[in-house]
Amino acid sequence: MQVSVENLSKLGRKLTVRIPAEQYESQVKSRLAEVARSVRLKGFRPGKIPPKVIEQRFGQQVRGETISELIRNSFEQAIGEQNLRPAMAPEIGTTGEPANGQFEYTATFEVLPEVGKVDVSQLAITRPTAQVGDADVDTMIETLRGQRRQWSPVERAAQIGDMVLFEYAAEGSDAVGTFRHPAEGVDRVGTILGSGAMSSTLEDALIGNAAAQPVTASVTFPADFRVPELAGRTAQVEAKIIRVQESALPEVDDAFISAFGIRDGGVEKFRADVRANLERELRGMLSARLKNEVVGKLVAAYPELDLPQGMIEREAEALARQAQEQASAQGQAAPGPEAFTDIARRRVAAGVLVGELARQNNIRIDNRRVAETLASFASTYEEPERVVELYQRDPQLMGGLQSRVMEDQVADWIADHANVTEQQLSFAEAMRPA
C-alpha cells in the first residue's frame, strides 16, 4: 500500500492511497466464491451455480462491498501510519475500478488541532456545593400538594389565590396605531389571581369583585404576553368575571402518599423518597454547574485555538434544526445555521479540549458511572427498566450517554487539578438555572 498526504490548509488533509490491483481482485474472487457456496438459486443445485451466473447476479454488489471494506481497512491503517487524527468522516473519491495495476482512492478530511500540553492548574474554578435540608423537603411536599389541589366554585368576591374565569376586551392607541383585542366581542380566559400570568394590573383590578360585576382598568401588558397585539402595550380594559373558584389542598395522608406509589411506610417513607429525589436532582444540577464553569474557563483559556470548520458547521446545523423544531411547534420561524456559529464554535472547542485532556491524562470511561447515570435518569420514568433496555439496545443513545459521562469525568478531573474555590449555596440557589 502506498500513501501520500497533501496539506490543503492548517487542518485540511488529502490522503491518496494506492493498493495493488491483485489485492482487490483477490478479495473479489474470494467473496464471489463464498457466495457461490452459500447462495441458493432456482434451477441450480447448491454449490453448482456456474461462475458466470454468480458474476452476473452478484458481481456488482460484491465489488461494491469489497471496495467499501478495502477503503475502510486501508484508511484506518494509513492514518495510523501517518499519525493523523481525523475530526470527521472523510470524503472519499474513487473511480471504483483498478487502473495501471493499482486501485486508488483519495480521502479528504480535517484533522484535530495540535493543542499541546493542556495545563489546567492556573484555571480559577468555583465549585458550587449545597445540601437538601428539612425545609427543602417541606417546600417540595407543599409543591406536590399544590399540584393536586382541588378547585370548587364559590359565591363571593375574588381574592388572591382564586382561579377566575373572565371575559375582557382591550383597546387603545399608541405610536404604532389604534388597536382592539379581540377585533369584535370579548375574549374569555382564566387565570389564578396573584400568579402574574395575565398582568398584575389586571389581576389587581379583578380582586375584590364577584361574578357579573363589571371591571374597568388601564392595563400595561407584559412584553411576553400571549396575545402579540397586546404584548408590551397599555390599553383600557373592560372585564367581567364569569366564575370564581377557590382551592383546597389535600392532606398528607395515606391516600395522598399512595398516589406516589408508596404503599407502606407512611409519611416517614414519603419524606425519605422526596429527599432522595431532591438529592438526585441536586447532584445533577451541581454537576452541570461545575461542568459549565470548568468548560467555560477551559475554552476561554484557548481563544485562538484552530478548529475544524466542518465540525463547526455540523454543530451549527444541528443547533438550527433544534431551534426550528421548537419554533415550528409554536408556529414561528427560526434563524438559519449562521446564527449559531459562535455557540457552535464554543461547543466544538469544548469537545476538542475535553477530548485532548482525556487523551493526555489517560481518562477512561467509567462504566460503573455510566450505569449509575443511566439508572438515575431512568428512575424518573414510570418504567425505568424499559428505559435502560432502550439505551442498551441503541448504540447512538448509549454513545451520547457515554459522551456526557466522559465530559463529567473530565470536569471532575479538572476541578481536582485546578485552583478551586468552593461556593456554598442553598438548595434553591443551586437549583436555579445559572
Protein backbone atom coordinates (compact mmCIF):
# COMPACT_ATOMS: atom_id res chain seq x y z
CA MET A 1 0.00 0.00 0.00
CA GLN A 2 1.32 3.44 -0.96
CA VAL A 3 0.17 6.53 0.94
CA SER A 4 0.79 10.21 0.28
CA VAL A 5 -0.51 13.20 2.27
CA GLU A 6 -1.23 16.70 0.96
CA ASN A 7 -1.87 19.63 3.32
CA LEU A 8 -4.85 21.58 1.99
CA SER A 9 -4.96 24.07 4.88
CA LYS A 10 -3.95 24.26 8.54
CA LEU A 11 -6.21 21.34 9.35
CA GLY A 12 -7.27 20.12 5.91
CA ARG A 13 -5.64 16.95 4.59
CA LYS A 14 -5.90 14.95 1.37
CA LEU A 15 -4.80 11.34 1.63
CA THR A 16 -4.08 9.40 -1.56
CA VAL A 17 -3.95 5.63 -1.12
CA ARG A 18 -2.85 3.13 -3.76
CA ILE A 19 -3.41 -0.60 -3.30
CA PRO A 20 -2.15 -3.34 -5.65
CA ALA A 21 -4.91 -4.36 -8.04
CA GLU A 22 -4.30 -8.05 -7.33
CA GLN A 23 -5.24 -7.48 -3.67
CA TYR A 24 -8.56 -6.04 -4.76
CA GLU A 25 -9.20 -8.79 -7.36
CA SER A 26 -8.22 -11.49 -4.86
CA GLN A 27 -10.80 -10.25 -2.37
CA VAL A 28 -13.46 -10.05 -5.09
CA LYS A 29 -12.80 -13.63 -6.17
CA SER A 30 -12.85 -14.85 -2.58
CA ARG A 31 -16.19 -13.15 -1.92
CA LEU A 32 -17.73 -14.47 -5.14
CA ALA A 33 -16.57 -17.99 -4.26
CA GLU A 34 -18.16 -17.65 -0.83
CA VAL A 35 -21.42 -16.50 -2.43
CA ALA A 36 -21.33 -19.44 -4.86
CA ARG A 37 -21.04 -21.90 -1.98
CA SER A 38 -23.83 -20.45 0.13
CA VAL A 39 -26.42 -18.89 -2.20
CA ARG A 40 -29.46 -20.77 -3.47
CA LEU A 41 -30.88 -20.03 -6.93
CA LYS A 42 -33.87 -21.67 -8.54
CA GLY A 43 -32.80 -24.19 -11.19
CA PHE A 44 -29.34 -24.80 -9.74
CA ARG A 45 -28.09 -27.25 -7.16
CA PRO A 46 -26.40 -25.68 -4.09
CA GLY A 47 -22.68 -25.16 -4.79
CA LYS A 48 -23.11 -25.93 -8.53
CA ILE A 49 -24.04 -22.48 -9.83
CA PRO A 50 -21.78 -21.50 -12.80
CA PRO A 51 -19.29 -18.67 -12.05
CA LYS A 52 -20.73 -16.63 -14.95
CA VAL A 53 -24.19 -16.66 -13.31
CA ILE A 54 -22.71 -15.68 -9.95
CA GLU A 55 -20.85 -12.81 -11.61
CA GLN A 56 -23.98 -11.59 -13.43
CA ARG A 57 -26.23 -11.78 -10.37
CA PHE A 58 -23.85 -10.71 -7.58
CA GLY A 59 -20.73 -9.22 -9.16
CA GLN A 60 -21.69 -5.56 -8.79
CA GLN A 61 -22.80 -5.98 -5.18
CA VAL A 62 -19.68 -7.96 -4.24
CA ARG A 63 -17.35 -5.42 -5.87
CA GLY A 64 -19.08 -2.57 -4.04
CA GLU A 65 -18.78 -4.37 -0.71
CA THR A 66 -15.14 -5.20 -1.40
CA ILE A 67 -14.31 -1.58 -2.23
CA SER A 68 -16.02 -0.36 0.96
CA GLU A 69 -14.15 -2.84 3.13
CA LEU A 70 -10.84 -2.20 1.37
CA ILE A 71 -11.18 1.56 1.81
CA ARG A 72 -12.28 1.28 5.44
CA ASN A 73 -9.43 -1.02 6.46
CA SER A 74 -6.71 0.73 4.46
CA PHE A 75 -7.82 4.17 5.63
CA GLU A 76 -7.54 3.12 9.29
CA GLN A 77 -4.09 1.71 8.58
CA ALA A 78 -3.00 4.80 6.63
CA ILE A 79 -3.98 7.39 9.27
CA GLY A 80 -2.26 5.25 11.88
CA GLU A 81 0.94 5.16 9.86
CA GLN A 82 0.77 8.91 9.15
CA ASN A 83 -0.17 9.77 12.75
CA LEU A 84 -3.31 11.62 11.67
CA ARG A 85 -6.43 12.17 13.79
CA PRO A 86 -9.44 12.93 11.56
CA ALA A 87 -12.01 15.26 13.07
CA MET A 88 -14.86 13.79 11.00
CA ALA A 89 -15.50 11.02 8.50
CA PRO A 90 -13.57 11.63 5.25
CA GLU A 91 -14.95 12.40 1.82
CA ILE A 92 -13.87 9.52 -0.42
CA GLY A 93 -13.14 9.92 -4.11
CA THR A 94 -12.50 6.93 -6.39
CA THR A 95 -13.35 5.57 -9.84
CA GLY A 96 -14.19 2.25 -8.23
CA GLU A 97 -12.04 0.37 -10.74
CA PRO A 98 -8.35 -0.62 -10.74
CA ALA A 99 -6.10 1.14 -13.27
CA ASN A 100 -2.46 0.58 -14.19
CA GLY A 101 -2.23 -2.32 -11.77
CA GLN A 102 -3.50 -0.30 -8.80
CA PHE A 103 -6.71 0.54 -7.01
CA GLU A 104 -6.58 4.20 -5.95
CA TYR A 105 -8.74 6.48 -3.86
CA THR A 106 -8.46 9.84 -2.12
CA ALA A 107 -9.73 10.73 1.34
CA THR A 108 -10.26 14.42 2.14
CA PHE A 109 -10.80 15.45 5.75
CA GLU A 110 -9.85 17.81 8.54
CA VAL A 111 -7.67 16.73 11.44
CA LEU A 112 -7.97 17.64 15.09
CA PRO A 113 -5.68 20.52 16.06
CA GLU A 114 -2.41 20.00 17.87
CA VAL A 115 -3.20 21.60 21.21
CA GLY A 116 -0.02 20.77 23.07
CA LYS A 117 0.04 20.05 26.77
CA VAL A 118 -3.19 21.30 28.34
CA ASP A 119 -2.37 22.89 31.72
CA VAL A 120 -5.38 23.48 33.97
CA SER A 121 -3.51 24.24 37.17
CA GLN A 122 -4.00 28.01 36.75
CA LEU A 123 -7.71 27.87 35.98
CA ALA A 124 -9.73 29.63 38.70
CA ILE A 125 -12.75 27.38 39.24
CA THR A 126 -15.71 27.97 41.54
CA ARG A 127 -17.20 24.68 42.72
CA PRO A 128 -20.80 25.06 43.98
CA THR A 129 -21.90 22.96 46.95
CA ALA A 130 -25.33 22.57 48.56
CA GLN A 131 -27.37 20.17 50.68
CA VAL A 132 -31.01 19.19 50.93
CA GLY A 133 -32.48 20.31 54.24
CA ASP A 134 -35.74 19.50 56.01
CA ALA A 135 -37.16 22.85 54.88
CA ASP A 136 -36.46 21.93 51.25
CA VAL A 137 -38.36 18.67 51.71
CA ASP A 138 -41.25 20.61 53.28
CA THR A 139 -41.27 23.04 50.34
CA MET A 140 -41.38 20.22 47.81
CA ILE A 141 -44.22 18.47 49.64
CA GLU A 142 -46.17 21.75 49.57
CA THR A 143 -45.47 21.99 45.86
CA LEU A 144 -46.80 18.45 45.37
CA ARG A 145 -49.89 19.34 47.38
CA GLY A 146 -50.38 22.42 45.22
CA GLN A 147 -50.18 20.32 42.07
CA ARG A 148 -53.05 18.18 43.39
CA ARG A 149 -55.26 20.89 44.79
CA GLN A 150 -58.98 20.73 44.08
CA TRP A 151 -60.97 23.69 42.76
CA SER A 152 -64.57 24.43 43.70
CA PRO A 153 -66.88 27.35 42.77
CA VAL A 154 -67.63 29.99 45.43
CA GLU A 155 -70.24 32.76 45.60
CA ARG A 156 -68.04 35.60 46.84
CA ALA A 157 -65.64 38.28 45.65
CA ALA A 158 -62.39 37.07 44.10
CA GLN A 159 -59.22 37.14 46.16
CA ILE A 160 -55.56 36.26 45.72
CA GLY A 161 -55.11 32.55 45.05
CA ASP A 162 -58.53 32.12 43.44
CA MET A 163 -58.96 30.86 39.90
CA VAL A 164 -61.19 33.19 37.94
CA LEU A 165 -62.79 32.77 34.55
CA PHE A 166 -63.49 36.16 32.98
CA GLU A 167 -64.26 37.92 29.73
CA TYR A 168 -62.44 41.02 28.60
CA ALA A 169 -61.83 43.40 25.71
CA ALA A 170 -58.82 45.73 25.47
CA GLU A 171 -58.41 48.77 23.26
CA GLY A 172 -56.08 51.72 22.99
CA SER A 173 -53.77 53.70 20.77
CA ASP A 174 -50.05 54.40 20.73
CA ALA A 175 -47.26 55.29 18.30
CA VAL A 176 -47.92 52.08 16.39
CA GLY A 177 -51.59 52.82 15.91
CA THR A 178 -55.09 52.15 17.25
CA PHE A 179 -55.83 48.58 18.35
CA ARG A 180 -58.50 46.40 19.90
CA HIS A 181 -58.47 42.81 21.14
CA PRO A 182 -60.43 40.96 20.14
CA ALA A 183 -61.44 42.78 16.99
CA GLU A 184 -65.09 42.15 17.92
CA GLY A 185 -66.77 40.90 21.07
CA VAL A 186 -64.78 39.66 24.07
CA ASP A 187 -62.05 37.14 24.84
CA ARG A 188 -62.70 34.56 27.58
CA VAL A 189 -59.71 33.41 29.66
CA GLY A 190 -58.88 32.00 33.06
CA THR A 191 -56.07 32.82 35.48
CA ILE A 192 -55.02 32.35 39.08
CA LEU A 193 -55.02 35.72 40.80
CA GLY A 194 -51.58 36.64 42.06
CA SER A 195 -49.77 34.48 39.52
CA GLY A 196 -48.99 37.38 37.17
CA ALA A 197 -49.83 35.20 34.18
CA MET A 198 -52.10 37.85 32.67
CA SER A 199 -50.97 41.22 34.04
CA SER A 200 -50.54 42.20 37.66
CA THR A 201 -52.53 45.40 37.00
CA LEU A 202 -55.45 43.46 35.55
CA GLU A 203 -55.35 40.85 38.30
CA ASP A 204 -55.34 43.58 40.95
CA ALA A 205 -58.41 45.10 39.30
CA LEU A 206 -60.26 41.76 39.38
CA ILE A 207 -59.53 41.18 43.10
CA GLY A 208 -62.48 42.17 45.27
CA ASN A 209 -65.06 41.71 42.52
CA ALA A 210 -67.67 38.97 42.32
CA ALA A 211 -69.15 37.28 39.25
CA ALA A 212 -71.04 39.56 36.82
CA GLN A 213 -69.54 42.76 38.25
CA PRO A 214 -68.03 44.99 35.53
CA VAL A 215 -64.36 45.91 35.92
CA THR A 216 -62.54 48.77 34.17
CA ALA A 217 -58.80 49.31 34.35
CA SER A 218 -55.85 50.76 32.46
CA VAL A 219 -53.53 47.80 31.94
CA THR A 220 -49.94 47.54 30.73
CA PHE A 221 -49.50 44.04 29.36
CA PRO A 222 -46.20 42.13 29.77
CA ALA A 223 -43.76 42.16 26.83
CA ASP A 224 -44.16 38.39 26.52
CA PHE A 225 -47.95 38.42 26.75
CA ARG A 226 -49.61 35.56 24.88
CA VAL A 227 -51.59 37.93 22.62
CA PRO A 228 -48.98 39.54 20.31
CA GLU A 229 -51.06 42.65 19.52
CA LEU A 230 -51.26 43.46 23.25
CA ALA A 231 -47.71 42.50 24.28
CA GLY A 232 -45.90 45.45 25.85
CA ARG A 233 -48.79 47.87 25.19
CA THR A 234 -51.06 49.83 27.50
CA ALA A 235 -54.81 49.50 26.93
CA GLN A 236 -58.15 50.30 28.52
CA VAL A 237 -59.67 47.01 29.61
CA GLU A 238 -63.34 46.23 30.18
CA ALA A 239 -63.72 42.92 32.04
CA LYS A 240 -66.36 40.82 33.78
CA ILE A 241 -65.81 37.79 36.00
CA ILE A 242 -67.81 34.70 34.98
CA ARG A 243 -66.80 32.31 37.75
CA VAL A 244 -64.69 32.32 40.92
CA GLN A 245 -63.13 29.12 42.28
CA GLU A 246 -61.14 28.55 45.44
CA SER A 247 -58.64 25.78 46.04
CA ALA A 248 -58.35 23.18 48.74
CA LEU A 249 -55.01 21.43 49.35
CA PRO A 250 -55.07 17.70 50.06
CA GLU A 251 -53.91 16.41 53.41
CA VAL A 252 -50.65 14.47 53.51
CA ASP A 253 -52.38 11.22 54.40
CA ASP A 254 -52.26 7.63 53.16
CA ALA A 255 -54.44 8.43 50.15
CA PHE A 256 -52.19 11.31 49.12
CA ILE A 257 -48.99 9.32 49.65
CA SER A 258 -50.28 6.28 47.74
CA ALA A 259 -50.63 8.48 44.64
CA PHE A 260 -46.81 8.45 44.51
CA GLY A 261 -46.57 4.66 44.57
CA ILE A 262 -45.86 4.37 48.32
CA ARG A 263 -47.98 1.66 49.93
CA ASP A 264 -46.08 1.19 53.20
CA GLY A 265 -44.02 3.38 55.50
CA GLY A 266 -46.39 6.32 55.73
CA VAL A 267 -45.19 9.92 55.96
CA GLU A 268 -41.68 8.94 57.04
CA LYS A 269 -41.14 6.83 53.90
CA PHE A 270 -42.74 9.54 51.76
CA ARG A 271 -40.39 12.21 53.13
CA ALA A 272 -37.42 9.90 52.61
CA ASP A 273 -38.39 9.37 48.96
CA VAL A 274 -38.90 13.09 48.42
CA ARG A 275 -35.47 13.77 49.94
CA ALA A 276 -33.84 11.12 47.74
CA ASN A 277 -35.39 12.64 44.62
CA LEU A 278 -34.26 16.13 45.62
CA GLU A 279 -30.73 14.87 46.33
CA ARG A 280 -30.60 13.20 42.92
CA GLU A 281 -31.73 16.39 41.21
CA LEU A 282 -29.26 18.42 43.25
CA ARG A 283 -26.34 16.15 42.31
CA GLY A 284 -27.25 16.54 38.66
CA MET A 285 -27.55 20.32 38.91
CA LEU A 286 -24.28 20.71 40.85
CA SER A 287 -22.53 18.52 38.29
CA ALA A 288 -23.97 20.60 35.43
CA ARG A 289 -22.97 23.85 37.13
CA LEU A 290 -19.43 22.58 37.68
CA LYS A 291 -19.15 21.35 34.11
CA ASN A 292 -20.38 24.69 32.74
CA GLU A 293 -17.89 26.53 34.93
CA VAL A 294 -14.98 24.27 34.04
CA VAL A 295 -15.64 24.09 30.31
CA GLY A 296 -16.26 27.83 30.10
CA LYS A 297 -12.93 28.62 31.78
CA LEU A 298 -11.13 25.99 29.69
CA VAL A 299 -12.43 27.36 26.37
CA ALA A 300 -11.65 30.93 27.45
CA ALA A 301 -8.03 29.88 28.09
CA TYR A 302 -7.63 28.88 24.41
CA PRO A 303 -9.23 31.73 22.43
CA GLU A 304 -7.02 31.26 19.36
CA LEU A 305 -7.48 27.51 19.02
CA ASP A 306 -7.74 26.38 15.38
CA LEU A 307 -10.86 24.26 14.94
CA PRO A 308 -12.14 22.05 12.10
CA GLN A 309 -14.62 24.13 10.11
CA GLY A 310 -16.63 21.04 9.22
CA MET A 311 -17.28 20.30 12.89
CA ILE A 312 -18.42 23.89 13.50
CA GLU A 313 -20.77 23.79 10.50
CA ARG A 314 -22.23 20.44 11.57
CA GLU A 315 -22.83 21.68 15.12
CA ALA A 316 -24.41 24.93 13.87
CA GLU A 317 -26.73 22.95 11.60
CA ALA A 318 -27.75 20.70 14.50
CA LEU A 319 -28.50 23.73 16.70
CA ALA A 320 -30.51 25.32 13.88
CA ARG A 321 -32.57 22.12 13.46
CA GLN A 322 -33.35 22.05 17.19
CA ALA A 323 -34.35 25.71 17.12
CA GLN A 324 -36.54 25.15 14.07
CA GLU A 325 -38.32 22.20 15.71
CA GLN A 326 -39.10 24.31 18.78
CA ALA A 327 -40.15 27.29 16.69
CA SER A 328 -42.36 25.16 14.44
CA ALA A 329 -44.20 23.81 17.47
CA GLN A 330 -45.09 27.42 18.32
CA GLY A 331 -45.90 28.39 14.75
CA GLN A 332 -42.81 30.55 14.44
CA ALA A 333 -39.68 30.64 12.28
CA ALA A 334 -36.11 30.15 13.47
CA PRO A 335 -32.86 31.61 12.11
CA GLY A 336 -30.51 29.56 9.93
CA PRO A 337 -27.24 27.86 10.94
CA GLU A 338 -25.23 31.07 10.51
CA ALA A 339 -26.94 32.49 13.62
CA PHE A 340 -25.49 29.65 15.71
CA THR A 341 -21.88 29.82 14.51
CA ASP A 342 -20.47 31.38 17.70
CA ILE A 343 -22.10 28.94 20.09
CA ALA A 344 -21.21 26.06 17.74
CA ARG A 345 -17.58 27.13 17.81
CA ARG A 346 -17.57 27.19 21.63
CA ARG A 347 -19.13 23.74 21.74
CA VAL A 348 -16.59 22.32 19.28
CA ALA A 349 -13.74 23.96 21.19
CA ALA A 350 -15.06 22.42 24.41
CA GLY A 351 -15.29 18.98 22.81
CA VAL A 352 -11.77 19.19 21.37
CA LEU A 353 -10.21 20.35 24.64
CA VAL A 354 -12.13 17.85 26.78
CA GLY A 355 -11.12 15.05 24.41
CA GLU A 356 -7.50 16.18 24.46
CA LEU A 357 -7.44 16.27 28.25
CA ALA A 358 -8.90 12.77 28.41
CA ARG A 359 -6.29 11.52 25.91
CA GLN A 360 -3.32 13.22 27.56
CA ASN A 361 -4.26 12.07 31.06
CA ASN A 362 -5.50 8.60 30.11
CA ILE A 363 -9.01 9.26 31.45
CA ARG A 364 -11.12 6.25 30.54
CA ILE A 365 -14.88 5.96 30.56
CA ASP A 366 -16.10 4.69 33.92
CA ASN A 367 -18.67 2.03 33.03
CA ARG A 368 -19.98 1.95 36.59
CA ARG A 369 -20.64 5.69 36.40
CA VAL A 370 -22.38 5.20 33.06
CA ALA A 371 -24.63 2.57 34.64
CA GLU A 372 -25.35 4.79 37.65
CA THR A 373 -26.14 7.78 35.42
CA LEU A 374 -28.46 5.69 33.28
CA ALA A 375 -30.20 4.23 36.33
CA SER A 376 -30.68 7.71 37.83
CA PHE A 377 -32.07 9.05 34.56
CA ALA A 378 -34.34 6.04 34.06
CA SER A 379 -35.71 6.30 37.61
CA THR A 380 -37.60 9.46 36.60
CA TYR A 381 -39.83 7.35 34.32
CA GLU A 382 -42.71 5.08 35.28
CA GLU A 383 -40.98 2.01 33.78
CA PRO A 384 -37.24 2.59 34.35
CA GLU A 385 -36.28 -0.91 33.24
CA ARG A 386 -37.66 -0.22 29.76
CA VAL A 387 -35.62 2.99 29.51
CA VAL A 388 -32.46 1.10 30.48
CA GLU A 389 -33.22 -1.57 27.89
CA LEU A 390 -33.81 1.08 25.23
CA TYR A 391 -30.38 2.62 25.83
CA GLN A 392 -28.63 -0.73 25.95
CA ARG A 393 -30.10 -1.68 22.58
CA ASP A 394 -29.47 1.66 20.85
CA PRO A 395 -25.74 2.37 20.22
CA GLN A 396 -26.46 6.01 19.35
CA LEU A 397 -28.31 6.70 22.60
CA MET A 398 -25.68 4.87 24.64
CA GLY A 399 -22.90 6.72 22.83
CA GLY A 400 -24.48 10.05 23.71
CA LEU A 401 -24.79 9.00 27.35
CA GLN A 402 -21.16 7.86 27.45
CA SER A 403 -20.05 11.19 25.97
CA ARG A 404 -21.90 13.09 28.70
CA VAL A 405 -20.37 10.89 31.39
CA MET A 406 -16.89 11.39 29.93
CA GLU A 407 -17.44 15.16 29.99
CA ASP A 408 -18.45 14.88 33.65
CA GLN A 409 -15.36 12.80 34.43
CA VAL A 410 -13.05 15.29 32.73
CA ALA A 411 -14.79 18.20 34.51
CA ASP A 412 -14.22 16.45 37.85
CA TRP A 413 -10.57 15.83 36.92
CA ILE A 414 -10.05 19.49 36.04
CA ALA A 415 -11.69 20.58 39.28
CA ASP A 416 -9.30 18.29 41.18
CA HIS A 417 -6.24 19.84 39.46
CA ALA A 418 -7.28 23.50 39.08
CA ASN A 419 -7.34 26.43 41.51
CA VAL A 420 -10.71 25.74 43.10
CA THR A 421 -12.81 27.84 45.46
CA GLU A 422 -15.96 26.32 46.96
CA GLN A 423 -19.18 28.31 46.94
CA GLN A 424 -21.85 27.29 49.45
CA LEU A 425 -25.36 27.66 48.04
CA SER A 426 -28.81 26.97 49.42
CA PHE A 427 -30.79 24.24 47.70
CA ALA A 428 -32.98 26.84 45.96
CA GLU A 429 -29.94 28.79 44.75
CA ALA A 430 -28.26 25.66 43.45
CA MET A 431 -31.37 24.55 41.55
CA ARG A 432 -31.84 27.94 39.93
CA PRO A 433 -30.57 27.83 36.32
CA ALA A 434 -27.25 29.64 36.03
